Amino acid sequence: MDVKGNIQKMGRSMLVPVSAMPLAGILLRFSAEDMLNVPILSAAGNAVFGNLDILFAIGIVFGFAKAKDKGMPALTAVLAILTLRTGLEVMDPEISMGIFGGIISGLIASWTYNRFKEQRLPQIFSFFAGERFPLTMIMVFMTVAAFVFGFIWPPIQMALDTFAQSWVEMGALGVGLFMFLNRLLIPLGLHHVINSYIYFDLGEFTNAAGEVVTGEIPRFLNGDPTAGLFLAGFFVIMMFGVPGICLAIYNAAYKENKTRVKGIMGSGAATSFITNITEPVEFTFMFTAPILYVIHSFYAGLAGIVTYLLDIRMGFSFGASLVDYVLSFNIATNPLLILPVGAAFFALYYFTFYFVIKKMSLKTLGREDEKSFTEEVSEEEKELNLATNNYAHLAKSLLQSFGGESNIEDAYNCVTRLRVTVQNPELVNEDRIKQTGISGLIKPSATHYQVVIGPEVTNVMSEFNKLIGN
């Protein structure tokens, strides 16, 4: 069993429900009494947050179902979670599996689809054969699953509630630990796992419509005054800390490289400040200067502790960026304190990173040793960087570096990474991949690669799919 590969797929799956949240969160915010006060907008927003288990089930099959067309696997997942939901209501109406029900349903649905998608039946039943057969089997399996979880989930639910309560009771230390792990686990793609529990399952709140919502994000957007302690620190890091890193890397760069570094770091700072996407910056030093990434993770935890002690409660729909700061301002607690705290952390990040880079002669962007390019790399390839818009050429170069179309077993993208599974890793030219100007290259296992590109990865993926026939 490829444990690392499956964990990576799980992380990718977590992004599916997240992608539906930004607009849902905005609708919830606009529906509040201090803004438009339109109940139908609240209903639309909670249609997402109230059905996260369904979205997680679909997301899981997107990651694990072995099919180019994900339509039938997705339908299998929907049947799985609906069967589980209904069955648990019969077993015990007090059971609430939340997103875990969606994850379990998605995993069972994926296995069922992969196992029975080519099932043959007698001619009289041929209509139900092939891809339709998993739809029949999943209802059988999930009925059994509902019966089993009806007995075993109550003690598990009690243990999770105890765990969550203990995390909350840790106070500032608990928030700091969460934010520290949130950053530290990014290289492995595991941050989505702990995020999902805090974001979507921690705590309960009954909104004005009488609906019970769980998780820091839904509770905050629905007006829970106790929510936001686990989220506020991210505004400090995304809006101020990461831009501080960018300025330090720019000023520490060699003079002849400053123009190039200015464009990359300037774009990275703006992207973090406005959109909450930090990986294009973090991957420029994550592996070339890991001590900086440890410091970054520690400062993230420290930001969580500081915002907790100052009783800053602020949330977001997608990320802790300028947009969410403005939208959440009126329902947050002590939101103005984000600004002086953020300014302090900007200075802390800047001076720490600049001092460590210079003192330890770290090879951050603009301070790298001169690269030795192979003969196969063209002059045009040498000019590629995060700002390139020649997506077709970049995709072609990456495909050649991975050993060609025949060596690609699976390829997909998340927010900032192109994730590729190859059949024979010996055919992969890692040096040539790095020479294309991508931000970073991660190898979670022998056959799995993550190419860190940035927000434009969807454009590169589109061209990559054309080359591999998807």
Protein backbone atom coordinates (compact mmCIF):
# COMPACT_ATOMS: atom_id res chain seq x y z
CA MET A 1 0.00 0.00 0.00
CA ASP A 2 1.34 3.43 -0.97
CA VAL A 3 0.62 5.25 2.29
CA LYS A 4 2.35 8.48 1.33
CA GLY A 5 0.62 8.58 -2.04
CA ASN A 6 -2.79 8.02 -0.45
CA ILE A 7 -2.15 10.76 2.08
CA GLN A 8 -1.31 13.13 -0.77
CA LYS A 9 -4.55 12.18 -2.54
CA MET A 10 -6.43 12.82 0.69
CA GLY A 11 -4.92 16.29 0.91
CA ARG A 12 -5.95 17.00 -2.66
CA SER A 13 -9.49 15.80 -1.93
CA MET A 14 -9.84 18.29 0.93
CA LEU A 15 -9.53 21.14 -1.57
CA VAL A 16 -12.78 20.30 -3.37
CA PRO A 17 -15.18 21.50 -0.64
CA VAL A 18 -12.84 24.42 0.11
CA SER A 19 -13.21 25.63 -3.48
CA ALA A 20 -16.96 26.00 -2.94
CA MET A 21 -16.59 28.06 0.21
CA PRO A 22 -15.47 31.57 -0.83
CA LEU A 23 -18.73 32.60 -2.50
CA ALA A 24 -20.78 30.78 0.15
CA GLY A 25 -18.97 32.72 2.86
CA ILE A 26 -19.49 36.02 1.06
CA LEU A 27 -23.21 35.28 0.69
CA LEU A 28 -23.45 34.54 4.41
CA ARG A 29 -21.67 37.76 5.24
CA PHE A 30 -23.88 39.89 2.96
CA SER A 31 -27.00 38.27 4.44
CA ALA A 32 -26.19 39.56 7.94
CA GLU A 33 -28.34 42.21 9.60
CA ASP A 34 -25.56 44.80 9.54
CA MET A 35 -25.31 44.46 5.74
CA LEU A 36 -28.06 43.51 3.25
CA ASN A 37 -30.16 41.43 5.69
CA VAL A 38 -31.49 39.14 2.94
CA PRO A 39 -32.38 35.68 4.36
CA ILE A 40 -32.24 33.94 0.99
CA LEU A 41 -28.53 34.78 0.76
CA SER A 42 -27.98 33.12 4.12
CA ALA A 43 -29.84 30.04 2.89
CA ALA A 44 -27.63 29.90 -0.21
CA GLY A 45 -24.46 30.17 1.87
CA ASN A 46 -25.54 27.53 4.34
CA ALA A 47 -26.44 25.22 1.47
CA VAL A 48 -22.67 24.75 1.22
CA PHE A 49 -21.71 24.83 4.89
CA GLY A 50 -24.68 22.64 5.85
CA ASN A 51 -23.70 19.91 3.38
CA LEU A 52 -19.96 19.74 3.74
CA ASP A 53 -20.17 15.98 4.30
CA ILE A 54 -21.56 15.59 0.77
CA LEU A 55 -18.87 17.84 -0.68
CA PHE A 56 -16.13 15.94 1.16
CA ALA A 57 -17.51 12.62 -0.10
CA ILE A 58 -17.39 13.90 -3.68
CA GLY A 59 -13.93 15.35 -3.12
CA ILE A 60 -12.61 11.99 -1.91
CA VAL A 61 -13.77 10.15 -5.02
CA PHE A 62 -12.19 12.83 -7.19
CA GLY A 63 -8.90 11.86 -5.60
CA PHE A 64 -9.27 8.08 -5.36
CA ALA A 65 -11.65 6.91 -8.10
CA LYS A 66 -9.78 5.50 -11.09
CA ALA A 67 -11.68 7.14 -13.93
CA LYS A 68 -11.12 10.08 -16.27
CA ASP A 69 -14.82 10.95 -16.15
CA LYS A 70 -15.65 11.49 -12.48
CA GLY A 71 -19.40 11.79 -12.99
CA MET A 72 -20.39 8.26 -12.05
CA PRO A 73 -17.95 8.06 -9.11
CA ALA A 74 -19.38 11.35 -7.82
CA LEU A 75 -22.91 9.97 -8.03
CA THR A 76 -21.71 6.89 -6.16
CA ALA A 77 -20.34 9.15 -3.44
CA VAL A 78 -23.60 11.08 -3.14
CA LEU A 79 -25.57 7.84 -2.76
CA ALA A 80 -23.05 6.70 -0.17
CA ILE A 81 -23.34 9.73 2.11
CA LEU A 82 -27.14 9.97 1.73
CA THR A 83 -27.51 6.29 2.65
CA LEU A 84 -25.20 6.75 5.63
CA ARG A 85 -27.03 9.89 6.78
CA THR A 86 -30.46 8.26 6.65
CA GLY A 87 -29.27 5.05 8.25
CA LEU A 88 -27.66 6.87 11.17
CA GLU A 89 -30.87 8.84 11.78
CA VAL A 90 -32.65 5.53 12.22
CA MET A 91 -29.91 4.08 14.44
CA ASP A 92 -29.46 7.15 16.65
CA PRO A 93 -30.66 10.71 15.78
CA GLU A 94 -28.00 12.14 18.13
CA ILE A 95 -25.12 10.83 16.03
CA SER A 96 -23.29 13.52 14.06
CA MET A 97 -20.38 12.30 11.97
CA GLY A 98 -19.89 15.65 10.22
CA ILE A 99 -17.13 15.75 7.61
CA PHE A 100 -15.86 12.38 8.85
CA GLY A 101 -19.03 10.82 7.49
CA GLY A 102 -18.26 12.39 4.12
CA ILE A 103 -14.66 11.18 4.17
CA ILE A 104 -15.65 7.63 5.10
CA SER A 105 -18.43 7.60 2.50
CA GLY A 106 -16.03 8.89 -0.15
CA LEU A 107 -13.46 6.23 0.65
CA ILE A 108 -16.01 3.41 0.53
CA ALA A 109 -17.52 4.84 -2.65
CA SER A 110 -14.09 5.04 -4.29
CA TRP A 111 -13.26 1.46 -3.41
CA THR A 112 -16.70 0.27 -4.56
CA TYR A 113 -16.43 2.08 -7.88
CA ASN A 114 -12.88 0.87 -8.57
CA ARG A 115 -13.81 -2.71 -7.62
CA PHE A 116 -17.11 -3.05 -9.49
CA LYS A 117 -16.96 -0.56 -12.39
CA GLU A 118 -16.35 -3.37 -14.91
CA GLN A 119 -18.73 -5.89 -13.37
CA ARG A 120 -20.54 -8.13 -15.84
CA LEU A 121 -24.06 -9.46 -15.23
CA PRO A 122 -26.45 -11.84 -17.00
CA GLN A 123 -27.96 -10.25 -20.09
CA ILE A 124 -31.32 -9.70 -18.41
CA PHE A 125 -29.60 -7.44 -15.87
CA SER A 126 -27.08 -5.90 -18.28
CA PHE A 127 -28.51 -2.40 -17.79
CA PHE A 128 -27.14 -2.45 -14.23
CA ALA A 129 -23.70 -3.76 -15.20
CA GLY A 130 -20.46 -1.85 -15.67
CA GLU A 131 -20.29 1.64 -14.17
CA ARG A 132 -23.90 1.41 -12.95
CA PHE A 133 -23.23 -1.60 -10.77
CA PRO A 134 -21.35 0.39 -8.08
CA LEU A 135 -24.55 2.43 -7.57
CA THR A 136 -26.28 -0.75 -6.45
CA MET A 137 -23.44 -2.07 -4.34
CA ILE A 138 -22.76 1.22 -2.55
CA MET A 139 -26.25 1.28 -1.04
CA VAL A 140 -25.71 -2.23 0.30
CA PHE A 141 -22.30 -1.37 1.74
CA MET A 142 -23.42 1.93 3.26
CA THR A 143 -26.46 0.32 4.87
CA VAL A 144 -24.07 -2.05 6.63
CA ALA A 145 -21.76 0.89 7.41
CA ALA A 146 -24.65 2.86 8.95
CA PHE A 147 -25.49 -0.13 11.15
CA VAL A 148 -21.86 -0.52 12.27
CA PHE A 149 -21.23 3.18 12.87
CA GLY A 150 -24.51 3.42 14.73
CA PHE A 151 -22.79 1.38 17.45
CA ILE A 152 -19.15 2.45 17.24
CA TRP A 153 -19.44 6.16 16.45
CA PRO A 154 -20.95 7.44 19.74
CA PRO A 155 -17.78 6.63 21.74
CA ILE A 156 -15.61 7.96 18.88
CA GLN A 157 -17.71 11.12 18.81
CA MET A 158 -17.29 11.48 22.56
CA ALA A 159 -13.52 11.07 22.21
CA LEU A 160 -13.38 13.70 19.44
CA ASP A 161 -15.46 16.10 21.49
CA THR A 162 -13.13 15.56 24.44
CA PHE A 163 -10.11 16.13 22.21
CA ALA A 164 -11.60 19.31 20.77
CA GLN A 165 -12.53 20.56 24.21
CA SER A 166 -9.03 19.89 25.52
CA TRP A 167 -7.55 21.76 22.55
CA VAL A 168 -9.82 24.72 23.29
CA GLU A 169 -9.00 24.53 26.99
CA MET A 170 -5.31 24.83 26.15
CA GLY A 171 -6.15 28.42 25.30
CA ALA A 172 -3.38 30.42 23.66
CA LEU A 173 -1.07 27.41 23.56
CA GLY A 174 -3.66 25.36 21.68
CA VAL A 175 -4.16 28.06 19.06
CA GLY A 176 -0.42 28.52 18.73
CA LEU A 177 0.14 24.79 18.31
CA PHE A 178 -2.51 24.62 15.60
CA MET A 179 -0.97 27.48 13.60
CA PHE A 180 2.53 26.07 14.05
CA LEU A 181 1.45 22.69 12.66
CA ASN A 182 -0.56 24.37 9.92
CA ARG A 183 2.63 25.83 8.45
CA LEU A 184 4.99 22.98 9.35
CA LEU A 185 2.91 20.32 7.58
CA ILE A 186 2.61 22.18 4.26
CA PRO A 187 5.63 20.39 2.69
CA LEU A 188 3.84 17.08 3.22
CA GLY A 189 0.45 18.40 2.15
CA LEU A 190 -1.00 17.28 5.50
CA HIS A 191 -2.06 20.69 6.73
CA HIS A 192 -5.46 20.18 5.07
CA VAL A 193 -6.14 17.26 7.41
CA ILE A 194 -5.85 19.23 10.66
CA ASN A 195 -7.37 22.31 9.03
CA SER A 196 -10.53 20.42 8.13
CA TYR A 197 -11.29 19.47 11.72
CA ILE A 198 -10.68 22.96 13.15
CA TYR A 199 -12.38 24.75 10.28
CA PHE A 200 -15.48 22.57 9.91
CA ASP A 201 -16.04 20.46 13.04
CA LEU A 202 -14.78 22.35 16.09
CA GLY A 203 -17.65 23.56 18.31
CA GLU A 204 -21.38 24.08 17.64
CA PHE A 205 -23.59 27.12 17.17
CA THR A 206 -27.29 27.54 16.44
CA ASN A 207 -27.90 30.41 14.03
CA ALA A 208 -30.93 32.70 13.78
CA ALA A 209 -32.70 30.23 11.48
CA GLY A 210 -32.36 27.48 14.07
CA GLU A 211 -29.72 25.59 12.08
CA VAL A 212 -26.83 23.98 13.96
CA VAL A 213 -23.47 24.71 12.36
CA THR A 214 -20.07 23.35 13.35
CA GLY A 215 -16.49 24.47 12.80
CA GLU A 216 -14.66 27.77 13.28
CA ILE A 217 -15.44 29.10 9.79
CA PRO A 218 -19.21 28.32 9.60
CA ARG A 219 -19.74 29.42 13.21
CA PHE A 220 -17.97 32.74 12.67
CA LEU A 221 -19.83 33.49 9.43
CA ASN A 222 -23.13 32.62 11.11
CA GLY A 223 -22.50 35.13 13.89
CA ASP A 224 -21.09 33.00 16.73
CA PRO A 225 -19.29 35.53 18.99
CA THR A 226 -17.04 32.78 20.39
CA ALA A 227 -15.62 31.77 17.00
CA GLY A 228 -12.52 33.16 15.31
CA LEU A 229 -9.80 32.58 17.90
CA PHE A 230 -8.21 29.84 15.80
CA LEU A 231 -8.39 31.96 12.64
CA ALA A 232 -7.36 35.50 13.58
CA GLY A 233 -3.62 34.79 13.63
CA PHE A 234 -3.64 33.90 9.94
CA PHE A 235 -4.42 37.52 9.04
CA VAL A 236 -1.19 38.56 10.76
CA ILE A 237 0.86 36.00 8.82
CA MET A 238 -0.74 36.31 5.37
CA MET A 239 -1.14 40.09 5.26
CA PHE A 240 2.05 41.09 7.08
CA GLY A 241 4.41 38.20 7.86
CA VAL A 242 4.83 36.83 4.34
CA PRO A 243 5.31 40.32 2.80
CA GLY A 244 8.02 40.83 5.45
CA ILE A 245 9.70 37.64 4.22
CA CYS A 246 9.52 38.90 0.64
CA LEU A 247 11.18 42.21 1.51
CA ALA A 248 13.95 40.43 3.44
CA ILE A 249 14.69 38.05 0.56
CA TYR A 250 14.73 40.96 -1.88
CA ASN A 251 17.11 43.08 0.20
CA ALA A 252 19.37 40.09 0.86
CA ALA A 253 19.66 39.23 -2.84
CA TYR A 254 22.84 40.02 -4.71
CA LYS A 255 22.77 43.35 -6.49
CA GLU A 256 22.84 41.87 -9.98
CA ASN A 257 19.79 39.72 -9.17
CA LYS A 258 17.60 42.32 -7.46
CA THR A 259 15.54 43.15 -10.55
CA ARG A 260 14.55 39.51 -11.04
CA VAL A 261 13.91 38.95 -7.33
CA LYS A 262 11.88 42.15 -7.03
CA GLY A 263 9.35 40.93 -9.56
CA ILE A 264 8.98 37.49 -8.00
CA MET A 265 8.87 38.65 -4.38
CA GLY A 266 6.68 41.64 -5.17
CA SER A 267 4.17 39.36 -6.85
CA GLY A 268 4.40 36.89 -3.97
CA ALA A 269 3.78 39.56 -1.35
CA ALA A 270 0.76 40.94 -3.22
CA THR A 271 -0.64 37.44 -3.76
CA SER A 272 -0.39 36.62 -0.06
CA PHE A 273 -1.83 39.99 1.02
CA ILE A 274 -4.78 39.94 -1.38
CA THR A 275 -5.55 36.25 -1.96
CA ASN A 276 -4.01 34.35 1.01
CA ILE A 277 -1.89 32.13 -1.27
CA THR A 278 1.57 31.86 0.28
CA GLU A 279 3.14 28.75 -1.23
CA PRO A 280 4.87 30.53 -4.16
CA VAL A 281 6.89 32.45 -1.55
CA GLU A 282 7.33 29.66 0.98
CA PHE A 283 8.68 27.22 -1.58
CA THR A 284 11.46 29.59 -2.57
CA PHE A 285 13.17 28.89 0.77
CA MET A 286 11.44 25.82 2.22
CA PHE A 287 14.09 23.39 0.98
CA THR A 288 17.00 25.65 0.14
CA ALA A 289 16.96 27.16 3.64
CA PRO A 290 14.84 24.94 5.93
CA ILE A 291 15.91 26.86 9.05
CA LEU A 292 13.91 29.79 7.69
CA TYR A 293 10.84 27.62 7.29
CA VAL A 294 11.09 26.40 10.88
CA ILE A 295 11.32 30.04 12.00
CA HIS A 296 8.31 30.84 9.81
CA SER A 297 6.29 28.03 11.41
CA PHE A 298 7.32 29.15 14.90
CA TYR A 299 6.32 32.76 14.18
CA ALA A 300 2.96 31.55 12.84
CA GLY A 301 2.35 29.81 16.16
CA LEU A 302 3.46 32.94 18.00
CA ALA A 303 0.97 35.01 15.98
CA GLY A 304 -1.82 32.67 17.06
CA ILE A 305 -0.81 33.05 20.70
CA VAL A 306 -0.65 36.86 20.49
CA THR A 307 -4.03 37.24 18.78
CA TYR A 308 -5.58 34.88 21.35
CA LEU A 309 -4.18 36.83 24.29
CA LEU A 310 -5.50 40.07 22.76
CA ASP A 311 -8.93 38.44 22.27
CA ILE A 312 -8.93 39.03 18.53
CA ARG A 313 -11.68 36.95 16.95
CA MET A 314 -11.82 37.08 13.20
CA GLY A 315 -12.70 34.58 10.50
CA PHE A 316 -12.73 34.12 6.77
CA SER A 317 -14.55 32.30 4.00
CA PHE A 318 -11.52 31.36 1.92
CA GLY A 319 -8.39 32.83 3.45
CA ALA A 320 -7.01 35.45 5.78
CA SER A 321 -6.51 38.11 3.13
CA LEU A 322 -7.44 41.74 2.63
CA VAL A 323 -10.80 40.80 1.10
CA ASP A 324 -11.87 38.71 4.07
CA TYR A 325 -10.50 41.29 6.50
CA VAL A 326 -12.78 43.94 5.03
CA LEU A 327 -15.82 41.66 4.80
CA SER A 328 -15.39 40.30 8.33
CA PHE A 329 -14.52 43.59 10.03
CA ASN A 330 -17.99 44.43 11.38
CA ILE A 331 -18.62 41.05 12.99
CA ALA A 332 -15.09 40.52 14.32
CA THR A 333 -13.82 41.23 17.83
CA ASN A 334 -10.95 43.74 18.08
CA PRO A 335 -10.20 43.65 14.33
CA LEU A 336 -8.24 46.93 14.44
CA LEU A 337 -5.62 45.23 16.62
CA ILE A 338 -4.67 43.13 13.60
CA LEU A 339 -2.97 46.23 12.13
CA PRO A 340 -0.46 47.04 14.92
CA VAL A 341 0.15 43.36 15.61
CA GLY A 342 0.65 42.80 11.88
CA ALA A 343 3.09 45.72 11.67
CA ALA A 344 5.09 44.26 14.56
CA PHE A 345 5.22 40.85 12.90
CA PHE A 346 6.20 42.42 9.57
CA ALA A 347 9.24 43.91 11.32
CA LEU A 348 9.92 40.68 13.23
CA TYR A 349 9.83 38.61 10.07
CA TYR A 350 11.87 41.08 8.05
CA PHE A 351 14.73 41.59 10.48
CA THR A 352 14.91 37.92 11.50
CA PHE A 353 14.95 36.62 7.94
CA TYR A 354 17.37 39.26 6.70
CA PHE A 355 19.78 38.65 9.60
CA VAL A 356 19.67 34.84 9.32
CA ILE A 357 20.05 34.89 5.53
CA LYS A 358 23.10 37.15 5.70
CA LYS A 359 24.65 35.59 8.82
CA MET A 360 24.35 32.01 7.57
CA SER A 361 24.91 32.88 3.88
CA LEU A 362 21.72 31.06 2.93
CA LYS A 363 21.03 30.43 -0.74
CA THR A 364 17.66 32.16 -0.93
CA LEU A 365 16.29 33.60 -4.15
CA GLY A 366 18.86 35.91 -5.72
CA ARG A 367 21.72 34.36 -3.72
CA GLU A 368 21.90 30.99 -5.47
CA ASP A 369 25.10 29.51 -6.83
CA GLU A 370 25.31 29.68 -10.61
CA LYS A 371 23.38 26.76 -12.08
CA SER A 372 24.95 24.29 -14.47
CA PHE A 373 22.47 23.69 -17.26
CA THR A 374 22.53 20.53 -19.36
CA GLU A 375 22.79 20.68 -23.11
CA GLU A 376 19.17 19.69 -23.51
CA VAL A 377 17.94 22.90 -21.90
CA SER A 378 17.28 25.69 -24.40
CA GLU A 379 17.95 29.38 -23.89
CA GLU A 380 14.21 29.98 -23.75
CA GLU A 381 13.89 27.47 -20.93
CA LYS A 382 16.50 29.34 -18.93
CA GLU A 383 14.31 32.42 -18.95
CA LEU A 384 11.24 30.70 -17.52
CA ASN A 385 10.12 31.86 -14.07
CA LEU A 386 6.94 32.22 -12.08
CA ALA A 387 5.90 35.15 -14.24
CA THR A 388 6.04 33.23 -17.56
CA ASN A 389 2.88 33.11 -19.64
CA ASN A 390 4.23 30.50 -22.07
CA TYR A 391 2.22 27.75 -20.45
CA ALA A 392 2.33 25.43 -23.46
CA HIS A 393 6.12 25.45 -23.59
CA LEU A 394 6.41 24.97 -19.82
CA ALA A 395 3.96 22.04 -19.89
CA LYS A 396 5.86 20.43 -22.78
CA SER A 397 9.18 20.81 -20.98
CA LEU A 398 7.78 19.34 -17.77
CA LEU A 399 6.26 16.38 -19.62
CA GLN A 400 9.61 15.63 -21.30
CA SER A 401 11.34 15.91 -17.92
CA PHE A 402 8.93 13.37 -16.43
CA GLY A 403 9.84 10.83 -19.10
CA GLY A 404 7.11 11.52 -21.61
CA GLU A 405 3.42 10.67 -21.83
CA SER A 406 3.96 6.92 -21.46
CA ASN A 407 5.58 7.44 -18.05
CA ILE A 408 2.66 9.43 -16.60
CA GLU A 409 0.33 7.35 -14.42
CA ASP A 410 -1.69 10.24 -12.98
CA ALA A 411 -1.56 14.03 -13.08
CA TYR A 412 -3.71 16.68 -11.44
CA ASN A 413 -3.38 20.05 -9.77
CA CYS A 414 -4.33 21.75 -6.52
CA VAL A 415 -4.21 25.49 -5.81
CA THR A 416 -0.49 25.94 -6.47
CA ARG A 417 0.98 22.54 -7.32
CA LEU A 418 1.09 20.20 -10.29
CA ARG A 419 0.98 16.70 -8.77
CA VAL A 420 2.34 13.90 -10.95
CA THR A 421 2.60 10.15 -10.43
CA VAL A 422 5.06 8.35 -12.72
CA GLN A 423 5.53 4.67 -13.51
CA ASN A 424 9.33 4.71 -13.65
CA PRO A 425 11.08 7.38 -11.54
CA GLU A 426 14.40 6.59 -13.21
CA LEU A 427 13.14 8.36 -16.34
CA VAL A 428 12.53 11.62 -14.45
CA ASN A 429 15.07 14.41 -14.92
CA GLU A 430 14.70 16.39 -11.69
CA ASP A 431 17.43 18.87 -12.57
CA ARG A 432 15.70 19.81 -15.79
CA ILE A 433 12.39 20.27 -13.94
CA LYS A 434 14.04 22.74 -11.57
CA GLN A 435 15.61 24.58 -14.49
CA THR A 436 12.20 25.47 -15.97
CA GLY A 437 11.77 28.21 -13.36
CA ILE A 438 9.23 26.51 -11.09
CA SER A 439 9.24 27.51 -7.43
CA GLY A 440 10.04 24.10 -5.97
CA LEU A 441 9.99 20.34 -6.42
CA ILE A 442 8.79 17.90 -3.75
CA LYS A 443 9.10 14.11 -3.88
CA PRO A 444 6.77 12.63 -1.23
CA SER A 445 7.49 9.08 -2.41
CA ALA A 446 9.46 7.26 -5.08
CA THR A 447 6.84 7.80 -7.79
CA HIS A 448 5.02 10.94 -6.61
CA TYR A 449 6.12 14.48 -7.44
CA GLN A 450 4.74 17.91 -6.61
CA VAL A 451 5.82 20.74 -8.88
CA VAL A 452 5.21 24.05 -7.14
CA ILE A 453 4.17 26.62 -9.75
CA GLY A 454 1.84 29.10 -8.09
CA PRO A 455 -1.66 30.34 -8.86
CA GLU A 456 -1.12 29.89 -12.60
CA VAL A 457 -0.89 26.12 -12.20
CA THR A 458 -4.40 25.71 -13.66
CA ASN A 459 -3.16 27.19 -16.96
CA VAL A 460 -0.16 24.87 -17.00
CA MET A 461 -2.39 21.90 -16.10
CA SER A 462 -4.69 22.71 -19.00
CA GLU A 463 -1.78 22.52 -21.45
CA PHE A 464 -0.38 19.44 -19.70
CA ASN A 465 -3.73 17.65 -20.12
CA LYS A 466 -3.71 18.38 -23.85
CA LEU A 467 -0.31 16.71 -24.17
CA ILE A 468 -1.28 13.57 -22.27
CA GLY A 469 -4.66 13.26 -23.98
CA ASN A 470 -6.98 14.13 -21.06
